[in-house]
C-alpha atoms as a PDB file:
ATOM      1  CA  MET A   1     -79.150 -34.692  27.819  1.00  0.00           C
ATOM      2  CA  SER A   2     -76.292 -32.714  26.299  1.00  0.00           C
ATOM      3  CA  SER A   3     -76.514 -28.946  26.084  1.00  0.00           C
ATOM      4  CA  THR A   4     -74.831 -26.971  23.397  1.00  0.00           C
ATOM      5  CA  ALA A   5     -73.507 -23.507  24.407  1.00  0.00           C
ATOM      6  CA  LYS A   6     -74.262 -20.932  21.703  1.00  0.00           C
ATOM      7  CA  ILE A   7     -71.196 -18.864  20.902  1.00  0.00           C
ATOM      8  CA  GLU A   8     -71.676 -15.365  19.489  1.00  0.00           C
ATOM      9  CA  LEU A   9     -68.848 -14.158  17.352  1.00  0.00           C
ATOM     10  CA  GLU A  10     -68.127 -10.725  16.088  1.00  0.00           C
ATOM     11  CA  THR A  11     -67.784 -10.111  12.369  1.00  0.00           C
ATOM     12  CA  ILE A  12     -64.162  -9.573  11.328  1.00  0.00           C
ATOM     13  CA  PRO A  13     -63.751  -7.052   8.471  1.00  0.00           C
ATOM     14  CA  ARG A  14     -61.901  -8.308   5.456  1.00  0.00           C
ATOM     15  CA  SER A  15     -58.597  -6.668   4.641  1.00  0.00           C
ATOM     16  CA  ARG A  16     -58.403  -5.050   1.213  1.00  0.00           C
ATOM     17  CA  VAL A  17     -55.044  -5.149  -0.378  1.00  0.00           C
ATOM     18  CA  TYR A  18     -55.552  -1.878  -2.213  1.00  0.00           C
ATOM     19  CA  LYS A  19     -56.093  -0.109   1.131  1.00  0.00           C
ATOM     20  CA  ALA A  20     -52.895  -1.513   2.523  1.00  0.00           C
ATOM     21  CA  VAL A  21     -51.012  -0.462  -0.557  1.00  0.00           C
ATOM     22  CA  ALA A  22     -52.516   3.124  -0.476  1.00  0.00           C
ATOM     23  CA  GLN A  23     -51.613   3.323   3.173  1.00  0.00           C
ATOM     24  CA  GLN A  24     -47.994   2.387   2.603  1.00  0.00           C
ATOM     25  CA  LEU A  25     -47.692   4.839  -0.309  1.00  0.00           C
ATOM     26  CA  GLN A  26     -49.157   7.597   1.733  1.00  0.00           C
ATOM     27  CA  GLU A  27     -46.723   6.882   4.747  1.00  0.00           C
ATOM     28  CA  ARG A  28     -43.793   6.633   2.303  1.00  0.00           C
ATOM     29  CA  ILE A  29     -44.646   9.869   0.457  1.00  0.00           C
ATOM     30  CA  LEU A  30     -45.021  11.812   3.747  1.00  0.00           C
ATOM     31  CA  THR A  31     -41.908  10.507   5.474  1.00  0.00           C
ATOM     32  CA  ASP A  32     -39.322   9.202   2.986  1.00  0.00           C
ATOM     33  CA  LEU A  33     -39.793  10.542  -0.526  1.00  0.00           C
ATOM     34  CA  LYS A  34     -38.514  13.856  -1.744  1.00  0.00           C
ATOM     35  CA  PRO A  35     -39.494  15.640  -4.960  1.00  0.00           C
ATOM     36  CA  GLY A  36     -38.178  13.742  -7.909  1.00  0.00           C
ATOM     37  CA  ASP A  37     -37.952  10.356  -6.224  1.00  0.00           C
ATOM     38  CA  THR A  38     -39.767   7.452  -7.853  1.00  0.00           C
ATOM     39  CA  LEU A  39     -42.486   5.499  -6.155  1.00  0.00           C
ATOM     40  CA  PRO A  40     -41.617   1.972  -5.033  1.00  0.00           C
ATOM     41  CA  SER A  41     -42.758  -0.919  -7.201  1.00  0.00           C
ATOM     42  CA  GLU A  42     -45.817  -3.046  -6.552  1.00  0.00           C
ATOM     43  CA  ARG A  43     -43.614  -5.914  -5.356  1.00  0.00           C
ATOM     44  CA  GLU A  44     -41.994  -3.709  -2.750  1.00  0.00           C
ATOM     45  CA  LEU A  45     -45.388  -2.642  -1.494  1.00  0.00           C
ATOM     46  CA  VAL A  46     -46.842  -6.054  -1.113  1.00  0.00           C
END
């Protein structure tokens, strides 16, 4: 007689790319950019 152990797993939230981009922009604006600087391109953020 074989017994199968039931494994309970937690749900892992999906990462949203737009949230990561927004977080990077916010950090960059608050730490690196000065008035008049341009924002980084999308490619630089990804």
